[in-house]
Amino acid sequence: MATKPITLYPRKHQIVGGPSTASINSLISSSSPVPPSIIQYENIPCDISVYINAFVRMDSGIAVNAKADTFTNSRTIGVVYEKNSPILCSVIFWGLTPIIFSGLDITKEYFLSTTIDGAIQTTVPSGGGEIILRVGRALFPNRLVTMIGTPLQRAL
């Protein structure tokens, strides 16, 4: 019995997943002080150095400030939107933040900072060994749609 060959056609590049325009519009119109998000973690243990609007990662069960200098330090779980005590915080992994930022450029994508713990930057990391991790896009000067990407390490 002869088999018929399978022909594979290349797909066009497309963004798969992420919030739709309708879901972003529903987030914007939300009257809740903390807009709904697709994924968020509430009241998790966090280091005392963690601050509101810091991107954090987990280290031995505690949220600590993330940084794009190594893979380990860049494994962010999201952005802190609330600190309920010096050692408890709430984090948004995917979705629209409440008003916790200022001066964001709505024409730019944001990446995890390579130099400041927990911070973000608009420039793509370019140093050898640094981690490129897209964390979101500003929807307003004071609100970010967090969309944590896949970390990529630049060649040494």
N, C-alpha and C. Protein backbone atom coordinates (compact mmCIF):
# COMPACT_ATOMS: atom_id res chain seq x y z
N MET A 1 0.84 -1.17 0.00
CA MET A 1 0.00 0.00 0.00
C MET A 1 0.88 1.24 0.00
N ALA A 2 0.68 2.10 -0.97
CA ALA A 2 1.48 3.32 -1.08
C ALA A 2 0.94 4.37 -0.12
N THR A 3 1.86 5.11 0.46
CA THR A 3 1.43 6.20 1.35
C THR A 3 1.52 7.51 0.62
N LYS A 4 0.64 8.39 0.94
CA LYS A 4 0.60 9.70 0.33
C LYS A 4 1.52 10.63 1.13
N PRO A 5 2.41 11.36 0.46
CA PRO A 5 3.29 12.26 1.20
C PRO A 5 2.50 13.40 1.82
N ILE A 6 2.97 13.84 3.00
CA ILE A 6 2.34 14.97 3.69
C ILE A 6 3.08 16.24 3.31
N THR A 7 2.34 17.24 2.89
CA THR A 7 2.95 18.53 2.56
C THR A 7 2.69 19.50 3.69
N LEU A 8 3.76 20.07 4.24
CA LEU A 8 3.63 21.06 5.31
C LEU A 8 3.77 22.45 4.73
N TYR A 9 2.84 23.30 5.03
CA TYR A 9 2.88 24.68 4.57
C TYR A 9 3.32 25.58 5.72
N PRO A 10 4.27 26.46 5.45
CA PRO A 10 4.70 27.35 6.53
C PRO A 10 3.58 28.30 6.93
N ARG A 11 3.46 28.52 8.25
CA ARG A 11 2.47 29.46 8.75
C ARG A 11 3.07 30.85 8.80
N LYS A 12 2.21 31.83 8.64
CA LYS A 12 2.66 33.21 8.82
C LYS A 12 2.90 33.43 10.32
N HIS A 13 3.84 34.31 10.64
CA HIS A 13 4.09 34.63 12.04
C HIS A 13 2.86 35.30 12.63
N GLN A 14 2.49 34.87 13.81
CA GLN A 14 1.35 35.48 14.47
C GLN A 14 1.56 35.44 15.97
N ILE A 15 0.92 36.36 16.65
CA ILE A 15 0.96 36.37 18.10
C ILE A 15 -0.14 35.44 18.57
N VAL A 16 0.23 34.48 19.39
CA VAL A 16 -0.74 33.53 19.90
C VAL A 16 -0.93 33.84 21.38
N GLY A 17 -2.17 33.96 21.79
CA GLY A 17 -2.46 34.26 23.19
C GLY A 17 -2.40 35.75 23.45
N GLY A 18 -2.40 36.08 24.72
CA GLY A 18 -2.38 37.49 25.10
C GLY A 18 -3.79 38.03 25.14
N PRO A 19 -3.94 39.18 25.77
CA PRO A 19 -5.28 39.73 25.89
C PRO A 19 -5.81 40.25 24.56
N SER A 20 -7.09 40.01 24.30
CA SER A 20 -7.72 40.53 23.09
C SER A 20 -8.12 41.98 23.32
N THR A 21 -8.45 42.68 22.26
CA THR A 21 -8.92 44.06 22.39
C THR A 21 -10.15 44.12 23.28
N ALA A 22 -11.04 43.16 23.13
CA ALA A 22 -12.26 43.15 23.95
C ALA A 22 -11.91 42.96 25.43
N SER A 23 -10.96 42.06 25.73
CA SER A 23 -10.62 41.85 27.14
C SER A 23 -9.90 43.05 27.72
N ILE A 24 -9.07 43.73 26.92
CA ILE A 24 -8.40 44.95 27.40
C ILE A 24 -9.45 46.02 27.66
N ASN A 25 -10.42 46.17 26.74
CA ASN A 25 -11.49 47.16 26.94
C ASN A 25 -12.29 46.87 28.20
N SER A 26 -12.54 45.59 28.49
CA SER A 26 -13.28 45.25 29.71
C SER A 26 -12.45 45.57 30.94
N LEU A 27 -11.14 45.43 30.86
CA LEU A 27 -10.28 45.78 31.98
C LEU A 27 -10.30 47.28 32.22
N ILE A 28 -10.26 48.05 31.14
CA ILE A 28 -10.25 49.51 31.25
C ILE A 28 -11.54 50.00 31.88
N SER A 29 -12.66 49.40 31.51
CA SER A 29 -13.95 49.89 31.98
C SER A 29 -14.29 49.37 33.37
N SER A 30 -13.46 48.55 33.95
CA SER A 30 -13.72 48.01 35.27
C SER A 30 -13.74 49.11 36.31
N SER A 31 -14.72 49.06 37.21
CA SER A 31 -14.80 50.05 38.27
C SER A 31 -14.05 49.59 39.51
N SER A 32 -13.53 48.39 39.51
CA SER A 32 -12.79 47.86 40.64
C SER A 32 -11.47 48.61 40.82
N PRO A 33 -11.06 48.91 42.08
CA PRO A 33 -9.78 49.59 42.28
C PRO A 33 -8.60 48.76 41.77
N VAL A 34 -8.71 47.45 41.86
CA VAL A 34 -7.71 46.55 41.29
C VAL A 34 -8.40 45.85 40.13
N PRO A 35 -8.07 46.24 38.88
CA PRO A 35 -8.74 45.64 37.74
C PRO A 35 -8.56 44.13 37.72
N PRO A 36 -9.52 43.42 37.17
CA PRO A 36 -9.35 41.98 37.07
C PRO A 36 -8.17 41.66 36.15
N SER A 37 -7.48 40.60 36.44
CA SER A 37 -6.39 40.19 35.57
C SER A 37 -6.57 38.72 35.24
N ILE A 38 -5.87 38.29 34.24
CA ILE A 38 -5.98 36.89 33.86
C ILE A 38 -5.33 36.01 34.92
N ILE A 39 -4.18 36.43 35.40
CA ILE A 39 -3.48 35.67 36.44
C ILE A 39 -2.95 36.63 37.48
N GLN A 40 -3.29 36.41 38.73
CA GLN A 40 -2.73 37.21 39.81
C GLN A 40 -2.58 36.34 41.05
N TYR A 41 -1.64 36.71 41.91
CA TYR A 41 -1.36 36.01 43.15
C TYR A 41 -1.57 37.00 44.29
N GLU A 42 -2.32 36.62 45.30
CA GLU A 42 -2.61 37.54 46.39
C GLU A 42 -1.97 37.06 47.69
N ASN A 43 -1.47 38.03 48.47
CA ASN A 43 -0.92 37.79 49.80
C ASN A 43 0.14 36.70 49.83
N ILE A 44 1.15 36.85 48.97
CA ILE A 44 2.26 35.90 48.98
C ILE A 44 3.39 36.48 49.83
N PRO A 45 4.20 35.63 50.45
CA PRO A 45 5.32 36.15 51.24
C PRO A 45 6.30 36.90 50.34
N CYS A 46 6.77 38.05 50.78
CA CYS A 46 7.73 38.80 49.99
C CYS A 46 8.80 39.43 50.88
N ASP A 47 9.96 39.62 50.29
CA ASP A 47 11.08 40.25 50.97
C ASP A 47 10.73 41.69 51.31
N ILE A 48 11.29 42.19 52.39
CA ILE A 48 11.00 43.56 52.82
C ILE A 48 11.46 44.60 51.79
N SER A 49 12.43 44.24 50.93
CA SER A 49 12.93 45.18 49.92
C SER A 49 12.01 45.33 48.71
N VAL A 50 11.03 44.45 48.57
CA VAL A 50 10.09 44.50 47.45
C VAL A 50 9.20 45.73 47.60
N TYR A 51 8.92 46.41 46.48
CA TYR A 51 8.13 47.63 46.51
C TYR A 51 7.00 47.56 45.48
N ILE A 52 6.00 48.41 45.66
CA ILE A 52 4.88 48.46 44.71
C ILE A 52 5.42 48.90 43.37
N ASN A 53 5.06 48.22 42.32
CA ASN A 53 5.43 48.32 40.90
C ASN A 53 6.75 47.65 40.58
N ALA A 54 7.29 46.86 41.53
CA ALA A 54 8.50 46.07 41.27
C ALA A 54 8.11 44.73 40.63
N PHE A 55 8.90 44.29 39.68
CA PHE A 55 8.75 42.95 39.13
C PHE A 55 9.53 42.00 40.02
N VAL A 56 8.90 40.88 40.38
CA VAL A 56 9.49 39.98 41.36
C VAL A 56 9.61 38.56 40.83
N ARG A 57 10.46 37.79 41.49
CA ARG A 57 10.64 36.37 41.22
C ARG A 57 10.57 35.65 42.56
N MET A 58 10.42 34.35 42.53
CA MET A 58 10.37 33.58 43.78
C MET A 58 11.74 33.00 44.10
N ASP A 59 12.12 33.07 45.36
CA ASP A 59 13.37 32.51 45.86
C ASP A 59 13.07 31.85 47.20
N SER A 60 13.09 30.53 47.24
CA SER A 60 12.80 29.77 48.46
C SER A 60 11.44 30.13 49.05
N GLY A 61 10.43 30.31 48.18
CA GLY A 61 9.08 30.57 48.64
C GLY A 61 8.79 32.02 49.00
N ILE A 62 9.72 32.93 48.74
CA ILE A 62 9.54 34.35 49.05
C ILE A 62 9.76 35.15 47.78
N ALA A 63 8.87 36.13 47.52
CA ALA A 63 9.03 37.01 46.37
C ALA A 63 10.15 38.01 46.64
N VAL A 64 11.10 38.09 45.69
CA VAL A 64 12.21 39.05 45.78
C VAL A 64 12.27 39.81 44.46
N ASN A 65 12.90 40.98 44.47
CA ASN A 65 13.01 41.79 43.26
C ASN A 65 13.75 41.03 42.16
N ALA A 66 13.22 41.08 40.94
CA ALA A 66 13.83 40.42 39.79
C ALA A 66 14.77 41.39 39.08
N LYS A 67 15.68 40.84 38.30
CA LYS A 67 16.65 41.64 37.54
C LYS A 67 17.10 40.82 36.34
N ALA A 68 17.33 41.46 35.20
CA ALA A 68 17.65 40.75 33.96
C ALA A 68 19.14 40.55 33.76
N ASP A 69 19.87 40.25 34.83
CA ASP A 69 21.31 40.02 34.70
C ASP A 69 21.68 38.54 34.58
N THR A 70 20.80 37.64 35.06
CA THR A 70 21.00 36.19 34.91
C THR A 70 19.63 35.54 34.73
N PHE A 71 19.63 34.29 34.23
CA PHE A 71 18.36 33.58 34.08
C PHE A 71 17.67 33.44 35.43
N THR A 72 18.41 33.06 36.46
CA THR A 72 17.82 32.86 37.78
C THR A 72 17.16 34.14 38.28
N ASN A 73 17.82 35.26 38.17
CA ASN A 73 17.29 36.52 38.68
C ASN A 73 16.16 37.08 37.84
N SER A 74 16.02 36.61 36.60
CA SER A 74 15.01 37.16 35.69
C SER A 74 13.71 36.36 35.64
N ARG A 75 13.60 35.30 36.39
CA ARG A 75 12.42 34.44 36.33
C ARG A 75 11.24 35.09 37.06
N THR A 76 10.72 36.17 36.51
CA THR A 76 9.69 36.96 37.18
C THR A 76 8.33 36.26 37.19
N ILE A 77 7.61 36.47 38.29
CA ILE A 77 6.24 35.96 38.39
C ILE A 77 5.24 37.09 38.18
N GLY A 78 5.72 38.33 38.04
CA GLY A 78 4.82 39.45 37.78
C GLY A 78 5.23 40.71 38.51
N VAL A 79 4.28 41.66 38.57
CA VAL A 79 4.52 42.98 39.15
C VAL A 79 3.69 43.13 40.44
N VAL A 80 4.32 43.69 41.46
CA VAL A 80 3.64 43.91 42.74
C VAL A 80 2.69 45.10 42.59
N TYR A 81 1.41 44.88 42.90
CA TYR A 81 0.44 45.97 42.84
C TYR A 81 -0.07 46.37 44.22
N GLU A 82 0.30 45.58 45.24
CA GLU A 82 -0.16 45.89 46.58
C GLU A 82 0.76 45.22 47.59
N LYS A 83 1.10 45.95 48.66
CA LYS A 83 1.82 45.37 49.79
C LYS A 83 0.91 45.48 51.00
N ASN A 84 0.45 44.32 51.46
CA ASN A 84 -0.49 44.29 52.57
C ASN A 84 0.20 44.39 53.92
N SER A 85 1.48 44.14 53.92
CA SER A 85 2.33 44.29 55.10
C SER A 85 3.76 44.33 54.57
N PRO A 86 4.75 44.60 55.41
CA PRO A 86 6.13 44.61 54.91
C PRO A 86 6.58 43.28 54.30
N ILE A 87 5.88 42.18 54.65
CA ILE A 87 6.32 40.87 54.16
C ILE A 87 5.22 40.11 53.39
N LEU A 88 4.15 40.79 52.99
CA LEU A 88 3.12 40.18 52.16
C LEU A 88 2.82 41.10 50.98
N CYS A 89 2.70 40.52 49.78
CA CYS A 89 2.39 41.34 48.61
C CYS A 89 1.46 40.59 47.66
N SER A 90 0.83 41.36 46.77
CA SER A 90 -0.03 40.79 45.73
C SER A 90 0.58 41.14 44.38
N VAL A 91 0.54 40.18 43.46
CA VAL A 91 1.28 40.28 42.19
C VAL A 91 0.36 39.97 41.02
N ILE A 92 0.49 40.76 39.95
CA ILE A 92 -0.21 40.48 38.70
C ILE A 92 0.80 39.90 37.71
N PHE A 93 0.51 38.71 37.21
CA PHE A 93 1.37 38.08 36.20
C PHE A 93 0.94 38.49 34.80
N TRP A 94 -0.36 38.50 34.55
CA TRP A 94 -0.88 38.79 33.22
C TRP A 94 -2.14 39.61 33.35
N GLY A 95 -2.13 40.83 32.87
CA GLY A 95 -3.33 41.67 32.93
C GLY A 95 -2.97 43.13 33.12
N LEU A 96 -3.97 43.95 33.29
CA LEU A 96 -3.80 45.39 33.44
C LEU A 96 -3.58 45.74 34.90
N THR A 97 -2.53 46.50 35.18
CA THR A 97 -2.26 46.91 36.55
C THR A 97 -3.20 48.03 36.96
N PRO A 98 -3.38 48.21 38.27
CA PRO A 98 -4.03 49.44 38.71
C PRO A 98 -3.05 50.60 38.51
N ILE A 99 -3.39 51.78 38.98
CA ILE A 99 -2.51 52.94 38.83
C ILE A 99 -1.37 52.83 39.84
N ILE A 100 -0.23 52.27 39.38
CA ILE A 100 0.95 52.10 40.25
C ILE A 100 2.22 52.65 39.60
N PHE A 101 2.12 53.13 38.38
CA PHE A 101 3.28 53.67 37.66
C PHE A 101 3.06 55.15 37.40
N SER A 102 4.09 55.82 36.94
CA SER A 102 3.95 57.19 36.44
C SER A 102 4.97 57.37 35.32
N GLY A 103 4.60 58.17 34.32
CA GLY A 103 5.53 58.49 33.25
C GLY A 103 5.82 57.40 32.24
N LEU A 104 4.96 56.40 32.15
CA LEU A 104 5.17 55.36 31.14
C LEU A 104 4.89 55.93 29.75
N ASP A 105 5.64 55.46 28.77
CA ASP A 105 5.47 55.88 27.37
C ASP A 105 4.56 54.86 26.68
N ILE A 106 3.37 55.30 26.27
CA ILE A 106 2.40 54.37 25.68
C ILE A 106 2.79 53.86 24.30
N THR A 107 3.88 54.37 23.74
CA THR A 107 4.33 53.90 22.43
C THR A 107 5.43 52.83 22.57
N LYS A 108 5.78 52.45 23.79
CA LYS A 108 6.93 51.56 24.01
C LYS A 108 6.52 50.25 24.67
N GLU A 109 7.34 49.24 24.40
CA GLU A 109 7.28 47.99 25.15
C GLU A 109 8.27 48.12 26.30
N TYR A 110 8.02 47.37 27.36
CA TYR A 110 8.88 47.44 28.54
C TYR A 110 9.54 46.09 28.80
N PHE A 111 10.79 46.17 29.25
CA PHE A 111 11.62 45.00 29.53
C PHE A 111 12.10 45.06 30.96
N LEU A 112 12.38 43.90 31.54
CA LEU A 112 12.94 43.85 32.88
C LEU A 112 14.31 44.52 32.86
N SER A 113 14.58 45.37 33.86
CA SER A 113 15.84 46.11 33.92
C SER A 113 17.03 45.19 34.18
N THR A 114 18.14 45.53 33.57
CA THR A 114 19.38 44.79 33.78
C THR A 114 20.21 45.40 34.90
N THR A 115 19.83 46.58 35.38
CA THR A 115 20.66 47.28 36.36
C THR A 115 19.97 47.58 37.69
N ILE A 116 18.66 47.74 37.71
CA ILE A 116 17.95 48.11 38.94
C ILE A 116 16.99 46.98 39.32
N ASP A 117 17.14 46.47 40.54
CA ASP A 117 16.29 45.38 41.03
C ASP A 117 14.82 45.75 40.97
N GLY A 118 14.01 44.93 40.29
CA GLY A 118 12.57 45.11 40.23
C GLY A 118 12.08 46.10 39.20
N ALA A 119 12.97 46.86 38.59
CA ALA A 119 12.56 47.95 37.68
C ALA A 119 12.38 47.46 36.24
N ILE A 120 11.81 48.37 35.42
CA ILE A 120 11.62 48.10 34.00
C ILE A 120 12.31 49.18 33.18
N GLN A 121 12.55 48.88 31.92
CA GLN A 121 13.20 49.82 31.00
C GLN A 121 12.62 49.65 29.61
N THR A 122 12.76 50.69 28.78
CA THR A 122 12.23 50.61 27.42
C THR A 122 13.27 50.12 26.43
N THR A 123 14.54 50.13 26.80
CA THR A 123 15.58 49.66 25.88
C THR A 123 15.75 48.15 26.02
N VAL A 124 15.93 47.50 24.89
CA VAL A 124 16.17 46.06 24.89
C VAL A 124 17.58 45.82 25.43
N PRO A 125 17.74 44.94 26.42
CA PRO A 125 19.09 44.66 26.93
C PRO A 125 20.01 44.23 25.80
N SER A 126 21.24 44.78 25.80
CA SER A 126 22.14 44.51 24.68
C SER A 126 23.50 43.98 25.11
N GLY A 127 23.75 43.88 26.40
CA GLY A 127 25.05 43.40 26.88
C GLY A 127 25.16 41.89 26.82
N GLY A 128 26.37 41.41 26.64
CA GLY A 128 26.61 39.98 26.61
C GLY A 128 26.17 39.31 27.89
N GLY A 129 25.38 38.25 27.78
CA GLY A 129 24.91 37.50 28.93
C GLY A 129 23.65 38.07 29.58
N GLU A 130 23.25 39.28 29.21
CA GLU A 130 22.04 39.86 29.79
C GLU A 130 20.80 39.14 29.26
N ILE A 131 19.72 39.24 30.00
CA ILE A 131 18.49 38.55 29.66
C ILE A 131 17.50 39.55 29.05
N ILE A 132 16.94 39.19 27.92
CA ILE A 132 15.89 39.99 27.29
C ILE A 132 14.56 39.39 27.75
N LEU A 133 13.81 40.16 28.55
CA LEU A 133 12.53 39.68 29.05
C LEU A 133 11.50 40.79 28.92
N ARG A 134 10.63 40.65 27.93
CA ARG A 134 9.55 41.62 27.75
C ARG A 134 8.53 41.38 28.84
N VAL A 135 8.13 42.47 29.53
CA VAL A 135 7.18 42.32 30.64
C VAL A 135 5.84 42.99 30.37
N GLY A 136 5.75 43.83 29.34
CA GLY A 136 4.46 44.43 29.04
C GLY A 136 4.54 45.67 28.18
N ARG A 137 3.38 46.33 28.07
CA ARG A 137 3.24 47.54 27.27
C ARG A 137 2.35 48.51 28.06
N ALA A 138 2.73 49.79 28.02
CA ALA A 138 1.94 50.81 28.71
C ALA A 138 0.64 51.04 27.95
N LEU A 139 -0.46 51.01 28.66
CA LEU A 139 -1.75 51.34 28.07
C LEU A 139 -2.10 52.79 28.38
N PHE A 140 -1.60 53.26 29.51
CA PHE A 140 -1.72 54.64 29.96
C PHE A 140 -0.38 55.01 30.58
N PRO A 141 -0.11 56.29 30.83
CA PRO A 141 1.16 56.66 31.47
C PRO A 141 1.32 56.09 32.88
N ASN A 142 0.22 55.61 33.48
CA ASN A 142 0.30 55.10 34.85
C ASN A 142 -0.17 53.65 35.00
N ARG A 143 -0.43 52.96 33.88
CA ARG A 143 -0.90 51.58 33.94
C ARG A 143 -0.24 50.75 32.84
N LEU A 144 0.15 49.55 33.20
CA LEU A 144 0.85 48.65 32.29
C LEU A 144 0.02 47.40 32.08
N VAL A 145 -0.06 46.93 30.85
CA VAL A 145 -0.64 45.61 30.59
C VAL A 145 0.54 44.65 30.69
N THR A 146 0.56 43.87 31.76
CA THR A 146 1.67 42.93 31.95
C THR A 146 1.44 41.69 31.10
N MET A 147 2.46 41.34 30.36
CA MET A 147 2.47 40.16 29.51
C MET A 147 3.89 39.62 29.55
N ILE A 148 4.17 38.81 30.55
CA ILE A 148 5.53 38.31 30.75
C ILE A 148 5.90 37.39 29.59
N GLY A 149 7.00 37.72 28.92
CA GLY A 149 7.45 36.93 27.78
C GLY A 149 8.39 35.80 28.19
N THR A 150 9.03 35.24 27.22
CA THR A 150 10.01 34.17 27.42
C THR A 150 11.40 34.80 27.51
N PRO A 151 12.16 34.50 28.57
CA PRO A 151 13.49 35.10 28.67
C PRO A 151 14.46 34.53 27.64
N LEU A 152 15.24 35.42 27.04
CA LEU A 152 16.27 35.03 26.08
C LEU A 152 17.59 35.62 26.55
N GLN A 153 18.64 34.82 26.55
CA GLN A 153 19.95 35.32 26.97
C GLN A 153 20.77 35.73 25.77
N ARG A 154 21.33 36.95 25.84
CA ARG A 154 22.20 37.43 24.77
C ARG A 154 23.52 36.66 24.82
N ALA A 155 24.10 36.46 23.67
CA ALA A 155 25.38 35.74 23.59
C ALA A 155 26.45 36.50 24.34
N LEU A 156 27.36 35.76 24.93
CA LEU A 156 28.47 36.37 25.67
C LEU A 156 29.49 36.95 24.73
